[in-house]
Structure formats: C-alpha cells, structure tokens
Amino acid sequence: MRVALVTESLWSMGGANRVLESFAKMYPDADIYALFGDTKSLSSELQKHRIIYSALNKRLFIKQLYRYTYHLWPLHIEKFDLSQYDLVISSSASVAFGVITPMTCKHIAYVHSPMRYLWDLKDVGIKELVFFKRMVTNFLLVFIRLWESSASSRPDILISNSKFVARRISKYWGREVDYVLTPPVHFYEGVIKDKSERGKKDHDKYIVAGAPFEFNKKGEFLLECMKDSKIVLKLIGSGSKEPRLRRKYSKYKNIQFLGKISDEEKWRVLSKASAFVMPGIEDYGIFPVEAMSAGTPVLAYKAGGILENLMEGVNGYFFTEWNRENFDVGLMKVLNEKWNYKKISESVKRNNNSEDMFKKRFKEY
C-alpha cells in the first residue's frame, strides 16, 4: 500500500508536526507533501522520508513571507499529484484537508483547526490596513471561505484533535466529524517530586509559558501582565511575533526568552516550574498537558481545548478576562494552592493519548 502524508508547513517541530511525526512512524515508507518548509529544521524521523514541497517553497524569502501567500495555498495544495497512492493522510491546520485524491484512494483528514484567519481571527490585523488593502484582503478571505466550504467534503474520514475543534468544524464547515482523537502527548518520564523541591528559595521560583508568539496565543498580554512582577517568567519556543516581543520586553529582568531548547531542557524547565501559564485560546494545547504530566499546575484562559483537560482545584485554575487584575488573581490562586503534584500528573495521563495509544486508536479507523 502506497501512503502519502500531506501538511502545510514544515518550518519547525511544533505540535502539528509532532502529530505528523507519529504518522510517519506508523507508515515508514510514506512520502510527505508540504506547501513549504525547511527539511533541516525537522526531526530525524521526518528527514528519513521523501519530502515534496510545492512551488511556493522556491520563492525568495518564503520563510519570512509565507503568511502573505495564504490566498495561493488552496491552489497549490490542489496541485499535488496523489494519483499513485492508496491512502492519503492529511494533517491540517489550514488547507491540507483540501487535497484532491482519486476515487480509488482513501483520504483521512486529521484536522488541528479550520483556518483561524478565515473565522475566529478574521478581523485581526485587517483594521490596521489602508482602505485598498483592506478591500482586497476581505475579498480574498471570502474566496477562501467558499473554497474551504467546498473542500471540506473531500476527506473520506474527518478526525478532529479535540471536541472544541469538532464544534468549530460543525459551525464553519457544516459537517460533523467522524471521530475525535486527541493528539499524541509525550508524557514526563521523570520522578514527580513533592512541593518542597519546587522553588526552595524565592529566587528559584518561576512560571513558564510555551511559545505564546502568535495572535491567538496572547503573548503580549502575558508580557504586559508580567513585566513589572517580581515573579520570573520563562518563555519556551519561538513564533512569528517573537522577534518584536523579544526586542520590547527583554529589558525586563524577570522575563527570560529561552527560544528553542532541547527536549531534555524543556522537561527540566517544566518540571521545576511553580506554574505553567496559557493566556490564549488553543485548539487543544499540548504544552499545558505536558506541563501537567510533569506535575506542574496550569493557569489558563477559560476557552478552547484546555477545557477538556484542566480541572479547577485538581491541576490548575482558569482566568476569565483578558485584563491584568483578573490574570493576577488567577495566578496568585495557582501559586498559593497546596497542590498534590502526583495527582496533577495522573489527571492528564488518564485522559490523553500517549504516542502508542494514538497510533493504536488511529489504526482502528
């Protein structure tokens, strides 16, 4: 059986590409198709595979400018020739689900999210454009919404990564998902230490956030809340807004931009943190689940996929408004709670898929 894996972006090993990596392990001979990316930035597992990029990837400065080519993504995703494959699996955060497959081919679409800038974030940034650019952008968004509505009928099996995304698919595409399958999570494998081991001294205490550098992740809100605090904030990962936010907030001594770090270092940071904070809306939220698996309580905005994992008083607390006062009250609640760190870890391991369980459940479909 010939298998193809299809996605949009292969610039880094974020949550969506960790899922792609799991598919690649399941089908070691599969070819991978992507709109754009950099093979050198991928895991050794993905680099074992033959990777075919669209013509967009040949454009000059595509890594810096790829978001501005969004109106071309449907065209280029449809150009992929998949006629030689028996099974196509798309890992889709925008348009990959819309690939065209032959009648003899089974297409399973694993959807991380409908394209956010068509729906939930459709007004983000547009108001700042001059009149002509605003008109053109709005016209292009209408076109892509029509394409998305039509293309949503193409997958033979439609799987969402959370109940939250399933509801969004139903609302925006008018189609019910066939299954909800939460993404594979790499759980913390170390020993969960008791409270006395976390921040024995005040200067050892810190909170951590995972790559809050996109519009929906509310990174600037978090940094504004923390810039005058005595609490240290460590930021793991990267994103499109990181360079600007790093320039603006690096001057504050309590804010540390760690950038991309090794898995070993990531687990060290997560397992010793006093809390993990998630100020934005995530479709699922692998980072906070990883943090909880290490026994770290979470403060999260009350919306999105985190509602399926965070249980107040068990593994964290919510805040409900994007203002400093509401955030501070929530943070103090998390930091002052007497947590059972082992119970925090157990709470997410019961409700989420390890990589092996993800593979097993996917193959049942």
Protein backbone atom coordinates (compact mmCIF):
# COMPACT_ATOMS: atom_id res chain seq x y z
CA MET A 1 0.00 0.00 0.00
CA ARG A 2 1.40 3.38 -1.03
CA VAL A 3 0.85 6.12 1.54
CA ALA A 4 1.20 9.91 1.33
CA LEU A 5 1.20 12.35 4.24
CA VAL A 6 0.13 15.93 3.50
CA THR A 7 0.55 19.08 5.58
CA GLU A 8 1.10 22.80 5.10
CA SER A 9 4.20 23.94 6.94
CA LEU A 10 7.43 22.15 7.87
CA TRP A 11 9.38 25.01 9.41
CA SER A 12 9.71 23.54 12.90
CA MET A 13 8.70 20.68 15.18
CA GLY A 14 5.62 22.27 16.74
CA GLY A 15 2.57 20.38 17.95
CA ALA A 16 1.10 19.74 14.49
CA ASN A 17 4.36 18.34 13.14
CA ARG A 18 4.73 16.11 16.20
CA VAL A 19 1.47 14.54 15.06
CA LEU A 20 2.85 14.26 11.53
CA GLU A 21 5.90 12.56 13.02
CA SER A 22 3.65 9.96 14.64
CA PHE A 23 2.01 9.27 11.27
CA ALA A 24 5.47 8.98 9.72
CA LYS A 25 6.44 6.35 12.29
CA MET A 26 3.25 4.43 11.53
CA TYR A 27 4.00 4.48 7.79
CA PRO A 28 7.82 4.47 7.45
CA ASP A 29 7.69 4.31 3.63
CA ALA A 30 5.24 7.19 3.23
CA ASP A 31 6.05 10.25 1.11
CA ILE A 32 5.43 13.65 2.68
CA TYR A 33 3.90 16.59 0.79
CA ALA A 34 4.04 20.14 2.19
CA LEU A 35 3.43 23.64 0.87
CA PHE A 36 6.65 24.97 2.34
CA GLY A 37 9.30 24.25 4.95
CA ASP A 38 12.92 23.56 5.72
CA THR A 39 13.87 19.88 5.93
CA LYS A 40 16.92 20.66 8.07
CA SER A 41 14.69 22.01 10.85
CA LEU A 42 12.78 18.74 11.15
CA SER A 43 13.29 15.71 13.36
CA SER A 44 15.50 12.85 12.19
CA GLU A 45 12.35 10.72 11.84
CA LEU A 46 10.76 13.08 9.30
CA GLN A 47 14.05 13.55 7.46
CA LYS A 48 14.08 9.83 6.68
CA HIS A 49 11.11 10.36 4.36
CA ARG A 50 10.95 11.69 0.82
CA ILE A 51 9.57 15.24 1.13
CA ILE A 52 7.94 17.05 -1.81
CA TYR A 53 7.37 20.80 -1.49
CA SER A 54 5.06 22.98 -3.58
CA ALA A 55 6.36 25.64 -5.95
CA LEU A 56 5.74 28.21 -3.20
CA ASN A 57 8.79 26.95 -1.36
CA LYS A 58 11.04 28.12 -4.19
CA ARG A 59 10.08 31.74 -3.71
CA LEU A 60 12.66 34.11 -2.33
CA PHE A 61 12.28 34.87 1.40
CA ILE A 62 9.35 32.43 1.65
CA LYS A 63 10.14 31.64 5.31
CA GLN A 64 9.65 35.27 6.26
CA LEU A 65 6.75 35.94 3.89
CA TYR A 66 4.79 32.69 3.63
CA ARG A 67 1.85 34.02 5.68
CA TYR A 68 1.27 36.65 2.99
CA THR A 69 0.77 33.95 0.34
CA TYR A 70 -2.31 32.47 2.07
CA HIS A 71 -4.53 33.24 -0.94
CA LEU A 72 -2.36 30.87 -3.02
CA TRP A 73 -2.46 27.94 -0.59
CA PRO A 74 -5.68 26.32 -1.95
CA LEU A 75 -4.32 26.42 -5.49
CA HIS A 76 -1.01 24.81 -4.55
CA ILE A 77 -2.49 22.17 -2.24
CA GLU A 78 -4.71 21.04 -5.13
CA LYS A 79 -1.70 20.82 -7.47
CA PHE A 80 -0.17 17.89 -5.62
CA ASP A 81 -0.43 14.76 -7.78
CA LEU A 82 -1.57 11.97 -5.44
CA SER A 83 -2.87 9.62 -8.13
CA GLN A 84 -0.30 6.91 -7.29
CA TYR A 85 -1.34 6.49 -3.63
CA ASP A 86 -3.77 4.12 -1.95
CA LEU A 87 -4.01 6.08 1.31
CA VAL A 88 -3.58 9.81 1.96
CA ILE A 89 -3.43 11.21 5.48
CA SER A 90 -3.61 14.99 5.78
CA SER A 91 -2.50 16.72 8.98
CA SER A 92 -4.29 20.01 8.51
CA ALA A 93 -4.12 23.35 10.31
CA SER A 94 -5.41 25.32 7.31
CA VAL A 95 -5.76 23.81 3.81
CA ALA A 96 -4.14 20.35 3.72
CA PHE A 97 -7.51 18.64 4.12
CA GLY A 98 -8.42 20.02 0.68
CA VAL A 99 -6.03 17.87 -1.37
CA ILE A 100 -7.63 16.15 -4.34
CA THR A 101 -7.40 12.36 -4.28
CA PRO A 102 -8.54 9.77 -6.84
CA MET A 103 -11.66 7.64 -6.31
CA THR A 104 -9.55 4.58 -5.52
CA CYS A 105 -7.68 6.38 -2.72
CA LYS A 106 -8.84 6.66 0.89
CA HIS A 107 -8.31 10.11 2.39
CA ILE A 108 -8.23 10.54 6.18
CA ALA A 109 -8.03 14.17 7.33
CA TYR A 110 -6.74 14.87 10.84
CA VAL A 111 -7.75 18.48 11.50
CA HIS A 112 -5.97 20.61 14.07
CA SER A 113 -8.10 23.62 13.22
CA PRO A 114 -10.11 25.28 10.46
CA MET A 115 -8.08 28.23 9.18
CA ARG A 116 -8.23 30.70 12.08
CA TYR A 117 -7.81 33.83 9.96
CA LEU A 118 -10.94 32.96 7.97
CA TRP A 119 -13.15 32.69 11.04
CA ASP A 120 -12.13 33.31 14.67
CA LEU A 121 -9.37 35.81 13.86
CA LYS A 122 -10.79 37.26 10.66
CA ASP A 123 -10.56 40.86 11.90
CA VAL A 124 -7.07 40.56 13.41
CA GLY A 125 -4.75 42.93 11.58
CA ILE A 126 -7.27 43.86 8.87
CA LYS A 127 -8.42 47.02 10.67
CA GLU A 128 -4.83 48.31 10.57
CA LEU A 129 -4.61 48.06 6.76
CA VAL A 130 -5.20 51.01 4.47
CA PHE A 131 -8.57 51.09 2.70
CA PHE A 132 -7.49 49.47 -0.59
CA LYS A 133 -5.55 46.63 1.05
CA ARG A 134 -8.46 46.04 3.44
CA MET A 135 -10.86 45.65 0.50
CA VAL A 136 -8.56 43.22 -1.33
CA THR A 137 -7.94 41.17 1.81
CA ASN A 138 -11.64 40.88 2.62
CA PHE A 139 -12.35 39.78 -0.98
CA LEU A 140 -9.66 37.09 -0.81
CA LEU A 141 -10.99 35.82 2.52
CA VAL A 142 -14.47 35.43 1.03
CA PHE A 143 -12.99 33.39 -1.83
CA ILE A 144 -11.05 31.12 0.53
CA ARG A 145 -14.11 30.58 2.75
CA LEU A 146 -16.05 29.39 -0.29
CA TRP A 147 -13.18 27.09 -1.23
CA GLU A 148 -12.95 25.72 2.31
CA SER A 149 -16.68 25.01 2.44
CA SER A 150 -16.46 23.04 -0.81
CA ALA A 151 -13.20 21.25 0.01
CA SER A 152 -14.46 20.08 3.43
CA SER A 153 -16.47 17.35 1.70
CA ARG A 154 -13.35 15.77 0.13
CA PRO A 155 -11.96 13.67 3.03
CA ASP A 156 -13.49 10.22 3.36
CA ILE A 157 -12.91 10.30 7.11
CA LEU A 158 -12.70 13.51 9.13
CA ILE A 159 -10.99 13.47 12.53
CA SER A 160 -10.59 16.45 14.87
CA ASN A 161 -7.99 16.81 17.59
CA SER A 162 -10.48 17.95 20.24
CA LYS A 163 -14.17 18.43 20.95
CA PHE A 164 -13.57 22.18 20.66
CA VAL A 165 -12.28 21.83 17.09
CA ALA A 166 -15.13 19.41 16.28
CA ARG A 167 -17.62 22.13 17.23
CA ARG A 168 -15.79 24.69 15.09
CA ILE A 169 -15.79 22.32 12.11
CA SER A 170 -19.53 21.78 12.53
CA LYS A 171 -20.18 25.53 12.74
CA TYR A 172 -17.92 26.71 9.92
CA TRP A 173 -17.95 23.76 7.51
CA GLY A 174 -21.43 22.39 8.16
CA ARG A 175 -20.01 18.88 8.51
CA GLU A 176 -19.82 16.63 11.56
CA VAL A 177 -16.51 14.93 12.29
CA ASP A 178 -16.37 11.14 12.23
CA TYR A 179 -14.10 10.88 15.26
CA VAL A 180 -12.36 12.97 17.91
CA LEU A 181 -8.81 11.75 18.52
CA THR A 182 -6.63 13.79 20.85
CA PRO A 183 -3.02 14.24 19.65
CA PRO A 184 -0.14 12.15 20.99
CA VAL A 185 1.47 13.58 24.10
CA HIS A 186 4.97 12.77 25.26
CA PHE A 187 4.45 12.47 29.00
CA TYR A 188 7.08 13.36 31.58
CA GLU A 189 9.06 10.24 32.47
CA GLY A 190 10.93 11.55 35.50
CA VAL A 191 10.07 11.29 39.17
CA ILE A 192 7.43 13.76 40.36
CA LYS A 193 8.94 15.47 43.39
CA ASP A 194 6.94 16.92 46.25
CA LYS A 195 6.26 20.60 46.83
CA SER A 196 9.36 21.15 48.97
CA GLU A 197 11.53 20.51 45.93
CA ARG A 198 9.97 23.31 43.84
CA GLY A 199 11.49 26.71 44.39
CA LYS A 200 13.06 26.13 47.81
CA LYS A 201 14.17 29.74 47.73
CA ASP A 202 12.24 32.71 46.37
CA HIS A 203 14.85 33.37 43.68
CA ASP A 204 14.37 29.78 42.38
CA LYS A 205 10.65 30.23 41.75
CA TYR A 206 9.39 30.90 38.27
CA ILE A 207 6.44 30.36 35.95
CA VAL A 208 6.69 29.22 32.34
CA ALA A 209 4.78 29.69 29.07
CA GLY A 210 5.09 27.75 25.83
CA ALA A 211 5.66 29.74 22.63
CA PRO A 212 2.94 32.40 23.07
CA PHE A 213 4.09 34.20 19.94
CA GLU A 214 1.06 34.12 17.60
CA PHE A 215 -2.07 36.30 17.56
CA ASN A 216 -4.30 33.68 19.19
CA LYS A 217 -1.78 32.92 21.95
CA LYS A 218 -1.94 36.36 23.63
CA GLY A 219 1.79 36.59 24.32
CA GLU A 220 1.88 40.37 24.51
CA PHE A 221 -0.97 40.37 27.04
CA LEU A 222 1.02 37.94 29.20
CA LEU A 223 4.20 40.02 28.94
CA GLU A 224 2.33 43.22 29.85
CA CYS A 225 0.93 41.47 32.93
CA MET A 226 4.35 40.17 34.00
CA LYS A 227 6.77 42.97 33.10
CA ASP A 228 6.57 44.69 36.49
CA SER A 229 6.23 41.50 38.53
CA LYS A 230 8.77 40.03 40.94
CA ILE A 231 7.93 36.60 39.56
CA VAL A 232 10.27 35.25 36.87
CA LEU A 233 8.60 34.29 33.57
CA LYS A 234 10.39 31.86 31.26
CA LEU A 235 9.22 31.62 27.64
CA ILE A 236 9.98 28.43 25.70
CA GLY A 237 9.92 28.25 21.90
CA SER A 238 9.54 30.66 19.01
CA GLY A 239 6.93 32.16 16.70
CA SER A 240 6.20 34.93 14.23
CA LYS A 241 5.78 37.62 16.91
CA GLU A 242 8.81 36.55 18.95
CA PRO A 243 11.42 38.95 17.46
CA ARG A 244 9.26 42.03 18.13
CA LEU A 245 8.24 40.88 21.61
CA ARG A 246 11.83 39.96 22.46
CA ARG A 247 13.02 43.46 21.45
CA LYS A 248 10.29 45.11 23.51
CA TYR A 249 10.41 43.02 26.69
CA SER A 250 13.96 41.67 27.03
CA LYS A 251 14.86 44.75 29.09
CA TYR A 252 12.77 43.44 31.99
CA LYS A 253 14.97 41.36 34.29
CA ASN A 254 12.23 38.91 35.28
CA ILE A 255 11.39 37.95 31.65
CA GLN A 256 13.56 35.28 30.05
CA PHE A 257 13.24 34.27 26.38
CA LEU A 258 14.67 30.73 26.20
CA GLY A 259 13.96 30.20 22.49
CA LYS A 260 14.13 26.70 21.05
CA ILE A 261 15.56 24.29 23.60
CA SER A 262 16.19 20.54 23.69
CA ASP A 263 13.53 18.14 24.95
CA GLU A 264 15.72 17.39 27.94
CA GLU A 265 15.96 21.07 28.85
CA LYS A 266 12.23 21.56 28.22
CA TRP A 267 11.34 18.85 30.74
CA ARG A 268 13.77 20.30 33.27
CA VAL A 269 12.15 23.73 32.96
CA LEU A 270 8.59 22.37 33.09
CA SER A 271 9.15 20.00 35.99
CA LYS A 272 10.66 22.66 38.27
CA ALA A 273 8.20 25.47 37.45
CA SER A 274 5.74 26.77 40.03
CA ALA A 275 3.10 27.10 37.31
CA PHE A 276 2.54 26.96 33.55
CA VAL A 277 0.50 29.83 32.08
CA MET A 278 -1.55 29.74 28.88
CA PRO A 279 -3.07 33.17 28.21
CA GLY A 280 -4.56 32.48 24.75
CA ILE A 281 -7.02 30.13 23.09
CA GLU A 282 -5.57 26.84 21.89
CA ASP A 283 -7.35 24.26 19.75
CA TYR A 284 -6.03 21.53 22.01
CA GLY A 285 -2.97 22.66 23.97
CA ILE A 286 -0.22 20.03 24.07
CA PHE A 287 2.17 22.27 26.03
CA PRO A 288 -0.02 22.65 29.14
CA VAL A 289 -0.79 18.91 29.08
CA GLU A 290 2.94 18.19 29.00
CA ALA A 291 3.43 20.59 31.91
CA MET A 292 0.69 18.88 33.92
CA SER A 293 2.22 15.48 33.19
CA ALA A 294 5.33 16.82 34.96
CA GLY A 295 3.18 17.75 37.96
CA THR A 296 3.05 21.47 37.17
CA PRO A 297 -0.28 23.27 37.75
CA VAL A 298 -1.69 25.42 34.94
CA LEU A 299 -3.32 28.85 34.77
CA ALA A 300 -5.26 29.14 31.50
CA TYR A 301 -7.78 31.40 29.82
CA LYS A 302 -11.16 29.70 30.05
CA ALA A 303 -11.77 28.77 26.42
CA GLY A 304 -10.69 26.26 23.78
CA GLY A 305 -9.30 22.77 24.04
CA ILE A 306 -7.85 23.29 27.54
CA LEU A 307 -11.41 22.95 28.91
CA GLU A 308 -11.11 19.23 28.16
CA ASN A 309 -8.08 18.81 30.44
CA LEU A 310 -7.98 21.46 33.15
CA MET A 311 -9.99 20.65 36.27
CA GLU A 312 -10.03 23.53 38.72
CA GLY A 313 -8.55 22.65 42.07
CA VAL A 314 -7.10 19.40 40.68
CA ASN A 315 -4.50 20.52 38.13
CA GLY A 316 -4.94 24.27 37.78
CA TYR A 317 -7.26 27.25 37.59
CA PHE A 318 -8.83 29.44 34.90
CA PHE A 319 -8.93 33.18 34.47
CA THR A 320 -11.87 34.59 32.53
CA GLU A 321 -10.99 38.07 31.31
CA TRP A 322 -8.02 39.49 29.44
CA ASN A 323 -7.15 42.13 31.98
CA ARG A 324 -4.30 42.45 34.48
CA GLU A 325 -6.48 42.22 37.60
CA ASN A 326 -8.25 39.01 36.57
CA PHE A 327 -4.99 37.41 35.48
CA ASP A 328 -3.19 38.35 38.71
CA VAL A 329 -5.99 36.91 40.86
CA GLY A 330 -5.81 33.63 38.94
CA LEU A 331 -2.02 33.47 39.13
CA MET A 332 -1.96 34.06 42.89
CA LYS A 333 -4.60 31.36 43.29
CA VAL A 334 -2.41 28.85 41.45
CA LEU A 335 0.79 29.85 43.26
CA ASN A 336 -0.79 29.77 46.73
CA GLU A 337 -2.60 26.44 46.33
CA LYS A 338 -1.20 23.38 48.10
CA TRP A 339 -1.00 21.04 45.13
CA ASN A 340 -0.61 17.30 45.01
CA TYR A 341 1.86 17.15 42.13
CA LYS A 342 1.47 13.42 41.56
CA LYS A 343 -2.31 13.80 41.23
CA ILE A 344 -1.79 16.59 38.69
CA SER A 345 0.32 14.23 36.60
CA GLU A 346 -2.13 11.36 36.91
CA SER A 347 -5.08 13.59 35.93
CA VAL A 348 -3.82 14.15 32.38
CA LYS A 349 -2.30 10.72 31.81
CA ARG A 350 -5.77 9.20 32.25
CA ASN A 351 -7.42 11.49 29.71
CA ASN A 352 -4.81 11.79 26.96
CA ASN A 353 -3.10 9.62 24.37
CA SER A 354 0.48 8.51 24.61
CA GLU A 355 2.07 8.08 21.20
CA ASP A 356 1.46 4.31 21.27
CA MET A 357 -2.19 4.77 22.22
CA PHE A 358 -2.64 7.41 19.50
CA LYS A 359 -1.27 5.01 16.87
CA LYS A 360 -3.47 2.17 18.10
CA ARG A 361 -6.66 4.25 18.07
CA PHE A 362 -5.90 5.82 14.69
CA LYS A 363 -5.42 2.43 13.04
CA GLU A 364 -8.83 1.36 14.34
CA TYR A 365 -10.38 3.91 11.97
